[in-house]
Protein backbone atom coordinates (compact mmCIF):
# COMPACT_ATOMS: atom_id res chain seq x y z
CA MET A 1 6.47 53.07 3.15
CA ALA A 2 9.12 50.61 2.09
CA THR A 3 10.56 47.92 4.44
CA SER A 4 13.25 49.14 6.73
CA LYS A 5 16.82 48.77 5.46
CA TYR A 6 18.04 48.30 9.03
CA PHE A 7 16.29 44.85 9.43
CA LYS A 8 17.03 41.71 7.35
CA HIS A 9 14.86 38.79 7.12
CA ASN A 10 17.44 36.38 5.55
CA VAL A 11 20.07 36.24 8.16
CA ARG A 12 21.51 32.68 7.98
CA SER A 13 22.20 32.33 11.66
CA GLU A 14 18.53 33.23 12.56
CA GLN A 15 17.35 30.86 9.88
CA THR A 16 19.44 28.07 11.30
CA LEU A 17 18.11 28.79 14.80
CA VAL A 18 14.54 28.78 13.65
CA GLU A 19 14.99 25.53 11.69
CA SER A 20 16.65 23.87 14.75
CA LEU A 21 13.82 24.99 16.86
CA VAL A 22 11.20 23.55 14.51
CA ILE A 23 12.93 20.19 14.40
CA GLU A 24 13.17 20.11 18.18
CA SER A 25 9.49 20.95 18.46
CA LEU A 26 8.52 18.11 16.05
CA GLN A 27 10.72 15.62 17.90
CA PHE A 28 9.13 16.70 21.13
CA TYR A 29 5.36 16.95 20.16
CA GLY A 30 5.37 14.67 17.06
CA GLN A 31 5.20 10.94 16.58
CA ASP A 32 7.50 8.37 14.80
CA LEU A 33 5.89 7.48 11.46
CA TYR A 34 7.08 5.49 8.46
CA TYR A 35 7.34 7.04 5.06
CA LEU A 36 6.79 4.58 2.24
CA PRO A 37 7.89 5.84 -1.27
CA ARG A 38 5.96 4.38 -4.18
CA GLU A 39 8.09 2.43 -6.68
CA ILE A 40 7.30 2.47 -10.42
CA VAL A 41 6.87 -1.13 -11.50
CA ASN A 42 5.25 -0.78 -14.98
CA LYS A 43 4.24 2.64 -15.97
CA ASP A 44 1.34 3.06 -18.35
CA LYS A 45 2.76 5.40 -21.03
CA VAL A 46 -0.76 6.20 -22.24
CA LEU A 47 -2.46 7.13 -18.96
CA LEU A 48 0.81 7.85 -17.20
CA GLU A 49 -0.07 5.87 -14.19
CA ASP A 50 1.58 2.88 -12.38
CA VAL A 51 -0.97 0.22 -11.80
CA PRO A 52 1.18 -2.54 -10.21
CA SER A 53 2.69 -0.31 -7.60
CA ARG A 54 5.31 -1.56 -5.07
CA PHE A 55 6.46 -0.36 -1.65
CA GLY A 56 9.80 -1.86 -0.72
CA GLN A 57 11.07 0.64 1.80
CA ALA A 58 9.81 2.15 4.98
CA TYR A 59 11.81 5.13 6.41
CA LYS A 60 11.18 6.13 10.11
CA ILE A 61 10.84 9.84 10.62
CA GLU A 62 9.04 12.19 13.13
CA MET A 63 5.95 14.05 12.03
CA TYR A 64 3.38 16.18 13.71
CA LEU A 65 -0.28 15.45 13.24
CA ASP A 66 -1.70 18.93 12.51
CA GLY A 67 -4.87 19.47 14.66
CA ASN A 68 -4.18 16.35 16.74
CA GLU A 69 -7.07 14.50 15.05
CA PHE A 70 -8.25 13.11 11.86
CA GLU A 71 -10.48 15.29 9.70
CA GLY A 72 -12.67 14.42 6.60
CA GLN A 73 -16.10 13.07 6.39
CA GLY A 74 -15.42 10.12 8.82
CA GLU A 75 -17.46 6.94 8.46
CA LEU A 76 -20.18 6.80 5.89
CA PHE A 77 -22.72 3.93 5.26
CA SER A 78 -23.34 3.64 1.69
CA LYS A 79 -24.80 0.96 -0.58
CA PHE A 80 -21.32 -0.51 -0.89
CA GLY A 81 -20.93 -0.76 2.87
CA ILE A 82 -19.14 1.38 5.31
CA GLU A 83 -16.70 3.84 3.85
CA ILE A 84 -14.01 5.53 6.11
CA ARG A 85 -13.07 8.91 4.61
CA ASP A 86 -10.65 10.10 7.16
CA THR A 87 -8.18 12.81 6.19
CA ALA A 88 -5.09 14.12 7.98
CA THR A 89 -2.35 16.78 7.72
CA PHE A 90 1.21 15.87 8.70
CA VAL A 91 4.06 18.40 9.22
CA VAL A 92 7.63 17.38 8.65
CA SER A 93 10.89 19.21 8.66
CA ILE A 94 12.30 19.80 5.16
CA LYS A 95 15.87 19.37 6.54
CA ARG A 96 15.01 16.07 8.24
CA TRP A 97 13.14 14.65 5.26
CA LYS A 98 16.08 15.27 2.97
CA GLU A 99 18.53 13.73 5.46
CA LEU A 100 16.47 10.61 6.32
CA ILE A 101 14.63 9.99 3.02
CA GLY A 102 15.43 12.28 0.17
CA ARG A 103 19.07 11.42 -0.07
CA LYS A 104 18.20 7.62 -0.14
CA LEU A 105 15.84 7.93 -3.17
CA THR A 106 17.35 7.63 -6.65
CA GLU A 107 14.72 9.89 -8.38
CA ASN A 108 12.13 12.44 -7.45
CA ASN A 109 14.10 13.04 -4.20
CA PHE A 110 13.50 16.80 -3.93
CA ARG A 111 10.23 16.57 -1.89
CA PRO A 112 7.55 14.15 -0.79
CA ARG A 113 5.59 12.89 -3.73
CA GLU A 114 1.81 12.59 -4.16
CA GLY A 115 0.98 8.93 -4.03
CA ASP A 116 3.57 8.07 -1.39
CA LEU A 117 2.27 6.50 1.88
CA ILE A 118 2.58 7.46 5.51
CA TYR A 119 2.05 4.66 8.08
CA LEU A 120 0.81 5.81 11.51
CA PRO A 121 1.60 3.08 14.14
CA MET A 122 -0.68 4.71 16.84
CA SER A 123 -3.78 3.93 14.94
CA ASN A 124 -2.32 1.15 12.71
CA SER A 125 -3.51 3.05 9.55
CA ILE A 126 -1.88 4.14 6.32
CA PHE A 127 -2.49 7.46 4.56
CA GLU A 128 -1.79 8.46 0.97
CA ILE A 129 -0.31 11.85 0.24
CA THR A 130 -2.59 13.88 -1.99
CA LYS A 131 -0.77 17.25 -1.76
CA CYS A 132 2.67 18.53 -0.61
CA ASN A 133 2.59 22.10 0.47
CA ASN A 134 6.01 23.73 1.25
CA TYR A 135 4.66 27.34 1.41
CA ASP A 136 3.13 27.21 4.85
CA PRO A 137 4.39 29.11 6.76
CA PHE A 138 5.26 31.36 3.78
CA PHE A 139 9.03 32.11 3.80
CA GLN A 140 9.43 32.59 7.57
CA LEU A 141 12.57 34.64 7.90
CA GLY A 142 13.12 34.10 4.29
CA GLN A 143 13.16 30.20 4.30
CA LEU A 144 10.73 27.28 4.14
CA PRO A 145 11.24 25.16 7.17
CA THR A 146 8.56 22.46 6.81
CA TYR A 147 6.40 20.49 4.40
CA LYS A 148 2.66 20.11 5.13
CA LEU A 149 1.35 16.79 3.74
CA SER A 150 -2.34 16.65 3.02
CA CYS A 151 -3.35 12.93 3.10
CA GLU A 152 -6.40 10.69 2.89
CA LEU A 153 -6.89 7.22 4.26
CA PHE A 154 -5.22 4.69 1.92
CA GLU A 155 -7.44 2.16 0.02
CA TYR A 156 -5.56 -1.02 -0.82
CA ASN A 157 -5.62 -1.95 -4.54
CA ASP A 158 -3.39 -4.99 -4.99
CA GLU A 159 -0.17 -3.09 -4.22
CA ASP A 160 2.97 -5.08 -3.36
CA PHE A 161 4.33 -4.46 0.26
CA ASP A 162 7.88 -5.72 1.05
CA THR A 163 9.02 -3.47 3.84
CA ASN A 164 9.89 -6.15 6.42
CA ILE A 165 7.51 -4.48 8.88
CA ALA A 166 4.87 -6.93 9.83
CA ASN A 167 2.03 -4.54 10.50
CA ILE A 168 2.41 -2.89 7.03
CA ASP A 169 3.19 -6.06 5.04
CA ASN A 170 0.04 -7.74 6.60
CA ILE A 171 -2.09 -5.35 4.72
CA GLU A 172 -1.05 -7.19 1.44
CA ALA A 173 -1.68 -10.62 3.08
CA ASP A 174 -5.07 -9.71 4.28
CA GLY A 175 -6.38 -7.62 1.31
CA ALA A 176 -4.96 -9.03 -1.89
CA PHE A 177 -6.78 -11.55 -4.05
CA GLN A 178 -5.07 -14.90 -3.47
CA TYR A 179 -4.95 -18.46 -4.54
CA LYS A 180 -4.91 -21.17 -2.03
CA LEU A 181 -2.60 -24.06 -3.04
CA THR A 182 -2.65 -27.42 -1.03
CA PHE A 183 0.40 -29.74 -1.38
CA GLY A 184 1.08 -33.32 -0.43
CA SER A 185 3.63 -34.64 2.11
CA ASP A 186 6.47 -34.09 -0.28
CA ALA A 187 6.30 -30.35 -0.11
CA SER A 188 8.42 -28.27 2.36
CA GLY A 189 10.84 -25.37 2.54
CA TYR A 190 8.98 -22.68 0.60
CA VAL A 191 9.68 -19.16 1.81
CA VAL A 192 7.10 -16.35 2.37
CA GLY A 193 7.82 -13.52 0.01
CA GLU A 194 9.49 -15.52 -2.72
CA THR A 195 8.22 -15.63 -6.23
CA ILE A 196 6.93 -18.98 -7.49
CA THR A 197 6.56 -20.19 -11.07
CA GLN A 198 4.47 -23.04 -12.55
CA GLN A 199 5.61 -23.72 -16.10
CA PHE A 200 3.15 -24.98 -18.80
CA SER A 201 3.80 -25.63 -22.43
CA THR A 202 3.84 -22.10 -23.85
CA TRP A 203 3.26 -19.92 -20.82
CA SER A 204 3.78 -19.94 -17.03
CA MET A 205 1.98 -18.78 -13.92
CA LYS A 206 3.79 -16.65 -11.40
CA GLY A 207 2.87 -15.20 -8.04
CA GLU A 208 4.25 -14.15 -4.61
CA ILE A 209 3.81 -16.37 -1.44
CA THR A 210 2.06 -14.56 1.31
CA ARG A 211 1.57 -17.57 3.57
CA TRP A 212 3.22 -20.93 3.87
CA SER A 213 3.28 -23.63 6.58
CA ASP A 214 5.23 -26.83 6.62
CA SER A 215 2.67 -28.38 8.97
CA ASP A 216 -0.44 -28.12 6.90
CA ARG A 217 1.33 -27.62 3.49
CA ILE A 218 -1.06 -24.84 2.55
CA MET A 219 0.19 -21.90 0.45
CA HIS A 220 -1.46 -18.49 -0.28
CA VAL A 221 -0.35 -16.77 -3.46
CA ALA A 222 -0.99 -13.09 -4.35
CA HIS A 223 -0.19 -11.04 -7.40
CA ALA A 224 -0.71 -14.03 -9.61
CA GLY A 225 -0.86 -13.93 -13.37
CA SER A 226 0.30 -15.61 -16.55
CA THR A 227 3.38 -14.55 -18.67
CA ASP A 228 1.27 -14.36 -21.85
CA GLY A 229 -0.98 -11.60 -20.51
CA THR A 230 -4.16 -13.57 -20.60
CA PHE A 231 -6.32 -14.97 -17.67
CA LYS A 232 -4.90 -18.31 -16.52
CA GLU A 233 -4.98 -20.13 -13.21
CA PHE A 234 -2.62 -22.45 -11.24
CA GLY A 235 -3.18 -26.12 -12.03
CA THR A 236 -2.55 -29.59 -10.37
CA SER A 237 -0.48 -31.08 -13.20
CA GLN A 238 2.86 -29.05 -13.11
CA ALA A 239 5.22 -28.40 -10.34
CA VAL A 240 5.34 -25.14 -8.52
CA VAL A 241 9.06 -23.97 -8.18
CA GLY A 242 10.21 -21.41 -5.56
CA GLY A 243 12.45 -18.68 -6.95
CA THR A 244 14.45 -18.45 -3.69
CA SER A 245 14.10 -21.80 -2.04
CA THR A 246 14.18 -23.73 -5.43
CA GLU A 247 11.64 -26.10 -3.80
CA SER A 248 9.51 -27.90 -6.27
CA ALA A 249 6.28 -29.69 -5.72
CA ILE A 250 2.99 -30.34 -7.40
CA PRO A 251 -0.26 -28.98 -5.73
CA THR A 252 -3.13 -31.40 -5.13
CA LEU A 253 -5.71 -28.64 -4.83
CA VAL A 254 -6.09 -25.13 -6.17
CA GLU A 255 -8.75 -22.74 -4.81
CA GLU A 256 -9.58 -19.14 -5.13
CA LEU A 257 -9.36 -17.35 -1.71
CA ASN A 258 -12.29 -15.07 -2.09
CA LYS A 259 -13.19 -14.50 1.51
CA ILE A 260 -11.13 -11.28 1.95
CA GLN A 261 -13.41 -9.81 4.75
CA ASN A 262 -14.68 -11.84 7.66
CA ASP A 263 -18.09 -10.14 7.68
CA GLU A 264 -18.68 -10.22 3.91
CA GLN A 265 -22.14 -11.34 2.72
CA ASN A 266 -21.52 -12.33 -0.91
CA LYS A 267 -22.46 -15.98 -0.52
CA ILE A 268 -25.58 -15.04 1.52
CA PHE A 269 -26.88 -12.68 -1.18
CA ASP A 270 -26.06 -15.18 -3.95
CA ASP A 271 -28.01 -17.95 -2.19
CA PHE A 272 -30.93 -15.53 -1.41
CA GLU A 273 -31.32 -14.26 -4.98
CA SER A 274 -31.38 -17.83 -6.38
CA ASP A 275 -34.60 -18.49 -4.56
CA PHE A 276 -36.64 -15.82 -6.55
CA LEU A 277 -34.56 -14.72 -9.61
CA ASP A 278 -34.39 -16.80 -12.72
CA PHE A 279 -31.25 -16.17 -14.82
CA SER A 280 -31.60 -19.25 -17.07
CA GLU A 281 -31.52 -19.01 -20.81
CA SER A 282 -35.21 -19.11 -21.03
CA ASN A 283 -35.43 -15.98 -18.91
CA PRO A 284 -32.25 -13.96 -19.72
CA PHE A 285 -33.45 -10.71 -18.22
CA GLY A 286 -33.91 -12.18 -14.75
CA ASP A 287 -37.60 -11.46 -14.12
CA MET A 288 -39.27 -13.16 -11.33
CA SER A 289 -40.60 -16.69 -12.08
C-alpha cells in the first residue's frame, strides 16, 4: 500500500513549528559551548593537511550533550602514561549554527567541519569533531533539524590559540614547547600575544610571546622558528623586537622550557639510566658496563 495522499510530510508551517521546538529544547536542556573553527595556515599540498593550525575565533552557541555523559574508553594507563580517551556526541540546531557561526565563516560554512573544536566550560575540556551527522533524525517531517557531532577529546599539538578567552588560550601557554628569555633592566613594554623577531645576518628567529612580566623581565616564547626553515635558536647577541610594542632589548639568558608537565619524570629517568647504561663511543650499543 502506498502512502496516503491525504497526509503530507513537508508542510512548511509544521516544519517551522518542529524546528522552533527543537531550538527551544536545546536552549532549555543544553549548555553554552564555544565552537572554534580551524584556520588553514600553511596547507601541505602533498598530504593535504594543515600542520600549523590556528584557532582565532570562539563562537558561543547552545548544544546538548547526547547521553548526558562522556563515552569512549575513559582513562587508560599505558607505557606512555595515562591516556584519556573520552568521546562525546553534541546535538546542535542547524538553523542556529548557520545564524551564529556559518554566516560568519568565509569558506566551508555549510556545516560543522571535521577538525574543528568544541570547548565545554563545565568540564574545562576541548573536543575535536571527528564526524558531522545531519541525517539523525532522518528527514523528520521532510527536513533535517539538527547536526549530531561525534567528537573525541582534543590532544594539543602546538596549535595556535588566539580566542581572547583565557581558559582556552591557556592551553597553548601550558602545552606548547617554549623558550625562556631573560632580559636586563632595560627591557619593558612587551605585549603577550605579539610576534617577536630576532634578526641575524641572513636569517631571523620569530615566535609568539605567551608570558611576559615587567617585574622579573622573563619572557616565554612559543611557536618559535627560523625564517630559513632550518633549526635555529634564540641568542644573546641580537635584540628581540616586538611586532606590536616595537620594544627592543637583548636577552641575557636563553633557555628551553622543557618542563611542560609538573609530574613529568624525564630528568629522573635520565639520571637513573646514567648509573648503569654506558652510551660512550667505546660502547655504542649501550650494554651494561
